[in-house]
Protein backbone atom coordinates (compact mmCIF):
# COMPACT_ATOMS: atom_id res chain seq x y z
CA UNK A 1 -5.03 -23.35 13.89
CA UNK A 2 -3.49 -20.29 15.71
CA UNK A 3 0.01 -20.85 17.42
CA UNK A 4 1.08 -18.48 20.10
CA UNK A 5 4.95 -18.37 19.81
CA UNK A 6 5.51 -16.08 22.83
CA UNK A 7 7.93 -13.81 20.90
CA UNK A 8 8.89 -10.45 22.19
CA UNK A 9 7.97 -7.40 20.23
CA UNK A 10 11.48 -6.56 19.40
CA UNK A 11 12.15 -10.19 18.09
CA UNK A 12 8.83 -10.20 16.08
CA UNK A 13 9.52 -6.90 14.50
CA UNK A 14 13.10 -7.94 13.60
CA UNK A 15 11.85 -11.18 12.03
CA UNK A 16 9.18 -9.34 9.84
CA UNK A 17 11.76 -6.47 9.03
CA UNK A 18 9.96 -3.41 10.39
CA UNK A 19 10.84 -1.04 13.00
CA UNK A 20 9.10 -1.07 16.43
CA UNK A 21 8.19 2.51 15.91
CA UNK A 22 6.25 1.67 12.82
CA UNK A 23 4.54 -1.15 14.63
CA UNK A 24 3.48 1.00 17.57
CA UNK A 25 2.51 4.15 15.63
CA UNK A 26 1.01 3.20 12.27
CA UNK A 27 0.53 6.32 9.95
CA UNK A 28 -3.17 7.40 9.86
CA UNK A 29 -4.78 6.86 6.43
CA UNK A 30 -5.25 10.07 4.46
CA UNK A 31 -8.27 10.91 2.35
CA UNK A 32 -6.04 10.99 -0.78
CA UNK A 33 -4.58 7.50 -0.14
CA UNK A 34 -8.04 6.16 0.49
CA UNK A 35 -9.32 7.59 -2.75
CA UNK A 36 -6.31 6.29 -4.65
CA UNK A 37 -6.68 2.83 -3.06
CA UNK A 38 -10.25 2.70 -4.09
CA UNK A 39 -9.30 3.60 -7.57
CA UNK A 40 -6.68 0.92 -7.78
CA UNK A 41 -9.12 -1.67 -6.61
CA UNK A 42 -11.77 -0.65 -9.03
CA UNK A 43 -9.17 -0.75 -12.03
CA UNK A 44 -7.93 -4.23 -10.71
CA UNK A 45 -11.49 -5.53 -10.90
CA UNK A 46 -11.92 -4.12 -14.45
CA UNK A 47 -8.62 -5.32 -15.74
CA UNK A 48 -7.93 -8.69 -13.97
CA UNK A 49 -4.63 -9.47 -15.67
CA UNK A 50 -3.14 -6.05 -14.90
CA UNK A 51 -0.34 -5.78 -12.43
CA UNK A 52 0.62 -2.85 -10.23
CA UNK A 53 2.85 -1.34 -13.00
CA UNK A 54 0.04 -1.33 -15.67
CA UNK A 55 -2.44 0.10 -13.05
CA UNK A 56 0.16 2.75 -12.32
CA UNK A 57 0.46 3.61 -15.96
CA UNK A 58 -3.24 3.95 -16.22
CA UNK A 59 -3.52 6.17 -13.21
CA UNK A 60 -0.58 8.29 -14.11
CA UNK A 61 -2.15 10.82 -16.72
CA UNK A 62 -5.14 11.44 -14.52
CA UNK A 63 -3.09 12.40 -11.48
CA UNK A 64 -0.57 14.20 -13.57
CA UNK A 65 -3.30 16.45 -14.90
CA UNK A 66 -4.26 17.30 -11.22
CA UNK A 67 -0.74 18.04 -10.46
CA UNK A 68 -0.21 15.20 -7.99
CA UNK A 69 2.78 12.79 -8.45
CA UNK A 70 2.35 9.24 -7.63
CA UNK A 71 4.97 6.70 -8.12
CA UNK A 72 4.96 2.95 -8.72
CA UNK A 73 6.17 2.18 -5.19
CA UNK A 74 3.03 3.92 -3.78
CA UNK A 75 0.82 2.01 -6.13
CA UNK A 76 2.36 -1.19 -5.00
CA UNK A 77 2.03 -0.33 -1.30
CA UNK A 78 -1.69 0.60 -1.67
């Protein structure tokens, strides 16, 4: 059941906790983020009980060798 609450954009964004600019202009996905996201999903399927921190620890050596820094916040977001 879908309820239409008739909230304004300003009020809805305030309730969710995002800025209106982020809502109107979402960042385009980059090729690197798409590749990283696919690897995260693949690792999550292989290691069912692993959380984002363990997955981050598993990805860290590979990307550090490539010279790319990823942090746990990015892993959690993707």
